[in-house]
Amino acid sequence: MIRSDMRKLRLVCLVVLAACGDDGGSVAGPDAPGPPNTGAVSLSSYKTMQTTQVMGNIVNASFLFRPAPATCTSQQIGPCILSQCTVLPGQPMYVNGGTVTVTGLSQTLTLTPSSITNMYQPDNSANAFVGGETVNITGMGATAPAFTLSLTAPSLASITVPAKPSGTNPLAIDRSHDLAVAWTGGGASDIDFVFGSTSGGPSLNCAFAATAGSGTIPTAALAMLPAGSGSFSASTEVFKSVDVGEWRMFGEAFYIAVWSADMSQSSVTTMVQ
C-alpha cells in the first residue's frame, strides 16, 4: 500500500513551511492551494539500546507568517516522491500562537512562546511513544488562530535490510539496482525512507505501510539522486493538517527507526554511485 502524494510531501511542508496539501485532517482538498501562513507542532520519539537505553520524546511548536512561500517541484516514482524546494524572497516572521497543549503522552505538555521572540522552547519531559495512543494537540491562539488536531502515535520500527554499515562507513547506494528494504514493527503507521544530498540536490522520500514488513525502492527513483555523499534515515510517521483562515496548521508524530543489529538510530551518511 502506497500513501497519497500529499502525505509523502509532509517533510517538505514542515521544513520549508510552504503551502502543501492535506492528509485527511484539513477542510481543504488535497490539491487545493494552501494558505500563506504556517503553524507546526512536531512530536519525535527516539529509543536506542546500546550500552545503556536512551529514550524520550521531543515536542516543539512554531508559527510563522510568510509573505512569500517556497516553490517546490515533485515527481512520483513508484512508492517514492522526488522533491526539491527553493525559498522565495521574503523572510518568515515568528508570531505568537498562544499556549499549545499536547495530551495523550506519558504526561500532559504545555508549550508557551517567548514574549520577545515568539519562539517556543522544546519540551523533552515526556516518555517515548508506546505506539497507538491518541495524541491531541490544542493551540489556544493569539496572533495565529486557535486549532485542534488529533494523531495516532506511531510505533518503533527496526530496520533489517539494508544492513547497518560497519564502523563509520557510509551506506552504499547503487543506482543501477533496486534497493530492497525490510523492517519489523512500526504498528499501523507508515514507514518512510528518506535520502538526501549534501550537494543541495533533491531529496527522495519513499513510503510504505509498516504492516507490509518490506518494500522495494526502484532504480528509476534512485537514479534521480546525484552521485556522491548524501544521507539516509528511516522513521515511522503520522501526519495531519487543518486549515484555519489564512493559516495551515501541521501536526506530525514520528518515531526514529533503529537498526536491528544494535538498536542504534537509523541515520547514516550514504555514498551514491
Protein backbone atom coordinates (compact mmCIF):
# COMPACT_ATOMS: atom_id res chain seq x y z
CA MET A 1 0.00 0.00 0.00
CA ILE A 2 1.36 3.41 -1.00
CA ARG A 3 0.45 6.68 0.64
CA SER A 4 -1.12 9.60 -1.18
CA ASP A 5 1.18 12.08 -2.91
CA MET A 6 0.49 14.87 -0.46
CA ARG A 7 1.30 12.77 2.57
CA LYS A 8 4.69 11.95 1.08
CA LEU A 9 5.39 15.66 0.80
CA ARG A 10 4.90 16.27 4.52
CA LEU A 11 8.63 16.66 5.23
CA VAL A 12 8.86 19.35 2.59
CA CYS A 13 5.90 21.15 4.17
CA LEU A 14 7.43 21.15 7.63
CA VAL A 15 10.97 22.04 6.57
CA VAL A 16 10.23 24.92 4.23
CA LEU A 17 6.82 25.79 5.73
CA ALA A 18 5.31 26.01 2.28
CA ALA A 19 1.66 25.61 1.35
CA CYS A 20 1.21 21.91 0.81
CA GLY A 21 -1.74 19.59 0.70
CA ASP A 22 -3.93 17.82 3.17
CA ASP A 23 -3.70 14.50 5.00
CA GLY A 24 -7.36 13.96 5.69
CA GLY A 25 -7.50 16.40 8.61
CA SER A 26 -7.95 19.56 6.58
CA VAL A 27 -11.08 21.17 5.26
CA ALA A 28 -9.19 21.84 2.04
CA GLY A 29 -8.88 19.21 -0.66
CA PRO A 30 -5.52 17.53 -1.31
CA ASP A 31 -4.85 19.63 -4.40
CA ALA A 32 -6.16 22.94 -3.05
CA PRO A 33 -3.73 25.87 -2.87
CA GLY A 34 -2.62 26.31 0.70
CA PRO A 35 -2.80 29.35 2.98
CA PRO A 36 0.33 31.53 3.10
CA ASN A 37 0.99 31.17 6.86
CA THR A 38 2.06 28.04 8.68
CA GLY A 39 1.97 26.55 12.15
CA ALA A 40 3.62 23.26 13.06
CA VAL A 41 3.68 21.02 16.13
CA SER A 42 6.15 18.16 15.91
CA LEU A 43 6.50 15.17 18.26
CA SER A 44 9.56 12.98 17.78
CA SER A 45 10.24 9.82 19.78
CA TYR A 46 13.58 8.07 19.94
CA LYS A 47 14.83 4.92 21.61
CA THR A 48 18.24 3.30 21.43
CA MET A 49 19.55 0.27 23.31
CA GLN A 50 23.31 0.22 23.01
CA THR A 51 25.48 0.34 26.14
CA THR A 52 22.55 1.87 28.02
CA GLN A 53 18.98 2.53 26.97
CA VAL A 54 18.26 6.09 25.94
CA MET A 55 14.69 7.09 25.11
CA GLY A 56 12.46 10.13 25.09
CA ASN A 57 10.14 12.42 23.19
CA ILE A 58 10.84 15.94 21.94
CA VAL A 59 7.86 18.21 21.30
CA ASN A 60 8.21 21.57 19.56
CA ALA A 61 5.94 24.21 18.02
CA SER A 62 6.32 27.19 15.72
CA PHE A 63 4.02 29.67 13.97
CA LEU A 64 5.32 31.68 11.04
CA PHE A 65 3.93 34.47 8.95
CA ARG A 66 5.44 34.06 5.50
CA PRO A 67 4.95 36.86 2.95
CA ALA A 68 6.19 34.62 0.12
CA PRO A 69 6.01 30.80 0.01
CA ALA A 70 8.60 28.34 -1.15
CA THR A 71 8.31 26.87 -4.60
CA CYS A 72 8.60 23.09 -4.78
CA THR A 73 8.78 20.60 -7.59
CA SER A 74 7.95 16.95 -7.07
CA GLN A 75 7.81 13.77 -9.09
CA GLN A 76 6.26 10.47 -8.07
CA ILE A 77 8.28 7.38 -8.95
CA GLY A 78 6.67 4.20 -7.66
CA PRO A 79 6.41 4.44 -3.86
CA CYS A 80 8.73 7.45 -3.81
CA ILE A 81 8.47 11.21 -4.20
CA LEU A 82 11.44 13.17 -5.52
CA SER A 83 11.28 16.74 -4.18
CA GLN A 84 13.25 19.94 -4.42
CA CYS A 85 12.29 23.30 -2.93
CA THR A 86 13.52 26.85 -3.30
CA VAL A 87 12.54 29.51 -0.78
CA LEU A 88 11.35 32.67 -2.49
CA PRO A 89 12.27 36.18 -1.26
CA GLY A 90 10.64 37.32 1.94
CA GLN A 91 11.80 36.40 5.42
CA PRO A 92 9.34 34.44 7.59
CA MET A 93 8.38 36.02 10.89
CA TYR A 94 7.65 34.06 14.06
CA VAL A 95 4.35 35.03 15.64
CA ASN A 96 2.55 34.15 18.87
CA GLY A 97 0.32 31.08 18.58
CA GLY A 98 -0.69 31.14 22.23
CA THR A 99 -0.35 28.21 24.61
CA VAL A 100 -0.03 24.81 22.91
CA THR A 101 -1.19 21.78 24.92
CA VAL A 102 -0.37 18.18 24.00
CA THR A 103 -2.22 15.32 25.72
CA GLY A 104 -2.07 11.55 25.32
CA LEU A 105 1.63 11.15 26.11
CA SER A 106 3.01 9.92 29.43
CA GLN A 107 2.18 13.38 30.76
CA THR A 108 0.39 16.49 29.53
CA LEU A 109 2.74 19.04 27.96
CA THR A 110 2.19 22.80 27.77
CA LEU A 111 4.32 24.93 25.45
CA THR A 112 4.38 28.72 25.69
CA PRO A 113 6.14 31.21 23.41
CA SER A 114 8.84 33.67 24.34
CA SER A 115 7.45 37.15 24.90
CA ILE A 116 10.44 38.51 22.98
CA THR A 117 10.98 36.16 20.01
CA ASN A 118 7.63 34.28 19.87
CA MET A 119 9.67 31.08 19.61
CA TYR A 120 8.72 28.01 21.64
CA GLN A 121 11.10 26.11 23.91
CA PRO A 122 11.12 22.37 23.04
CA ASP A 123 9.86 20.05 25.78
CA ASN A 124 11.53 16.67 26.29
CA SER A 125 9.93 15.65 29.59
CA ALA A 126 7.53 13.03 28.17
CA ASN A 127 8.41 9.38 27.54
CA ALA A 128 8.74 7.89 24.08
CA PHE A 129 5.58 6.70 22.36
CA VAL A 130 4.18 3.34 23.36
CA GLY A 131 2.53 3.24 19.94
CA GLY A 132 -1.16 3.52 19.13
CA GLU A 133 -2.04 6.14 21.75
CA THR A 134 -4.23 9.08 20.71
CA VAL A 135 -2.34 12.37 20.86
CA ASN A 136 -4.40 15.57 20.95
CA ILE A 137 -2.85 18.93 20.04
CA THR A 138 -4.62 22.14 21.00
CA GLY A 139 -3.41 25.63 20.11
CA MET A 140 -5.16 28.35 22.11
CA GLY A 141 -4.39 31.01 19.53
CA ALA A 142 -3.09 34.57 19.70
CA THR A 143 -1.72 36.23 16.57
CA ALA A 144 -2.07 32.82 14.91
CA PRO A 145 -5.56 31.32 15.27
CA ALA A 146 -6.68 28.54 17.60
CA PHE A 147 -6.77 24.98 16.25
CA THR A 148 -7.02 21.33 17.26
CA LEU A 149 -5.51 18.20 15.74
CA SER A 150 -5.58 14.52 16.73
CA LEU A 151 -2.92 11.94 15.82
CA THR A 152 -2.43 8.24 16.48
CA ALA A 153 1.14 7.77 17.69
CA PRO A 154 3.39 5.50 15.58
CA SER A 155 5.35 2.53 16.94
CA LEU A 156 9.08 1.83 16.83
CA ALA A 157 10.37 0.02 13.73
CA SER A 158 13.62 -1.93 13.43
CA ILE A 159 15.43 -1.90 10.07
CA THR A 160 16.73 -5.32 8.97
CA VAL A 161 17.51 -4.50 5.30
CA PRO A 162 19.71 -2.80 4.29
CA ALA A 163 22.20 -3.77 6.98
CA LYS A 164 23.79 -1.04 9.05
CA PRO A 165 27.21 -0.08 7.61
CA SER A 166 30.18 -1.13 9.71
CA GLY A 167 32.00 1.50 11.75
CA THR A 168 31.89 4.94 10.17
CA ASN A 169 31.49 3.63 6.63
CA PRO A 170 28.69 5.18 4.56
CA LEU A 171 25.74 3.18 3.27
CA ALA A 172 26.49 2.33 -0.36
CA ILE A 173 23.64 3.13 -2.79
CA ASP A 174 23.95 1.57 -6.23
CA ARG A 175 21.63 3.49 -8.52
CA SER A 176 21.75 0.76 -11.17
CA HIS A 177 19.84 -1.69 -8.97
CA ASP A 178 16.62 -1.63 -6.96
CA LEU A 179 17.15 -1.23 -3.22
CA ALA A 180 15.34 -3.74 -1.03
CA VAL A 181 14.20 -2.52 2.40
CA ALA A 182 12.75 -4.56 5.26
CA TRP A 183 11.80 -3.97 8.86
CA THR A 184 9.92 -5.30 11.85
CA GLY A 185 7.43 -3.40 13.98
CA GLY A 186 6.02 0.01 13.18
CA GLY A 187 2.40 -0.72 14.05
CA ALA A 188 -0.37 0.70 11.88
CA SER A 189 1.57 3.78 10.75
CA ASP A 190 3.66 4.28 7.63
CA ILE A 191 7.41 3.90 7.44
CA ASP A 192 9.47 6.38 5.45
CA PHE A 193 12.95 6.04 3.99
CA VAL A 194 14.49 9.42 3.22
CA PHE A 195 17.56 10.01 1.07
CA GLY A 196 19.20 13.44 0.98
CA SER A 197 22.12 15.01 -0.85
CA THR A 198 24.91 17.08 0.68
CA SER A 199 25.30 18.92 -2.63
CA GLY A 200 21.93 20.63 -2.35
CA GLY A 201 20.23 18.27 -4.76
CA PRO A 202 16.73 16.80 -4.45
CA SER A 203 15.51 14.57 -1.65
CA LEU A 204 13.87 11.19 -2.14
CA ASN A 205 11.13 10.09 0.25
CA CYS A 206 9.87 6.51 -0.11
CA ALA A 207 6.88 5.41 1.97
CA PHE A 208 5.29 2.04 2.72
CA ALA A 209 2.66 0.72 5.10
CA ALA A 210 4.57 -0.52 8.15
CA THR A 211 2.43 -3.67 8.22
CA ALA A 212 3.97 -4.73 4.86
CA GLY A 213 7.31 -5.52 6.51
CA SER A 214 9.29 -4.94 3.30
CA GLY A 215 9.40 -2.88 0.14
CA THR A 216 11.43 -2.04 -2.93
CA ILE A 217 12.88 1.34 -3.87
CA PRO A 218 13.13 1.22 -7.67
CA THR A 219 16.26 2.08 -9.59
CA ALA A 220 14.24 4.68 -11.51
CA ALA A 221 13.87 6.62 -8.25
CA LEU A 222 17.43 6.11 -7.05
CA ALA A 223 18.75 7.26 -10.43
CA MET A 224 17.40 10.74 -9.71
CA LEU A 225 19.77 11.18 -6.76
CA PRO A 226 23.08 12.92 -7.53
CA ALA A 227 26.24 10.86 -7.20
CA GLY A 228 28.38 11.41 -4.14
CA SER A 229 27.85 11.90 -0.45
CA GLY A 230 24.35 12.00 0.99
CA SER A 231 22.22 10.90 3.91
CA PHE A 232 19.78 8.13 4.83
CA SER A 233 17.22 7.92 7.61
CA ALA A 234 14.09 5.95 8.40
CA SER A 235 11.15 6.61 10.69
CA THR A 236 7.53 5.72 11.22
CA GLU A 237 5.28 8.76 10.86
CA VAL A 238 1.77 10.10 11.16
CA PHE A 239 0.94 13.48 9.66
CA LYS A 240 -2.17 15.68 9.72
CA SER A 241 -3.06 19.24 8.76
CA VAL A 242 -6.01 21.59 9.16
CA ASP A 243 -6.70 24.97 7.55
CA VAL A 244 -7.89 27.86 9.73
CA GLY A 245 -8.41 31.08 7.79
CA GLU A 246 -5.09 32.22 6.36
CA TRP A 247 -3.19 29.51 8.24
CA ARG A 248 -2.36 25.87 7.62
CA MET A 249 -1.60 24.03 10.84
CA PHE A 250 0.50 20.88 10.72
CA GLY A 251 0.86 18.12 13.28
CA GLU A 252 3.40 15.33 12.96
CA ALA A 253 4.32 12.42 15.19
CA PHE A 254 7.30 10.32 14.23
CA TYR A 255 9.40 7.60 15.77
CA ILE A 256 13.01 7.35 14.59
CA ALA A 257 13.64 3.78 13.46
CA VAL A 258 16.59 1.74 14.73
CA TRP A 259 18.99 -0.74 13.14
CA SER A 260 18.19 -4.31 14.12
CA ALA A 261 21.91 -5.06 14.52
CA ASP A 262 22.48 -2.84 17.56
CA MET A 263 19.31 -0.78 18.12
CA SER A 264 21.09 2.47 17.23
CA GLN A 265 19.20 5.16 15.34
CA SER A 266 18.90 4.51 11.62
CA SER A 267 20.53 7.69 10.41
CA VAL A 268 23.76 7.40 8.42
CA THR A 269 25.70 9.01 5.59
CA THR A 270 25.48 7.49 2.13
CA MET A 271 27.71 7.15 -0.90
CA VAL A 272 25.60 7.18 -4.06
CA GLN A 273 27.19 5.51 -7.07
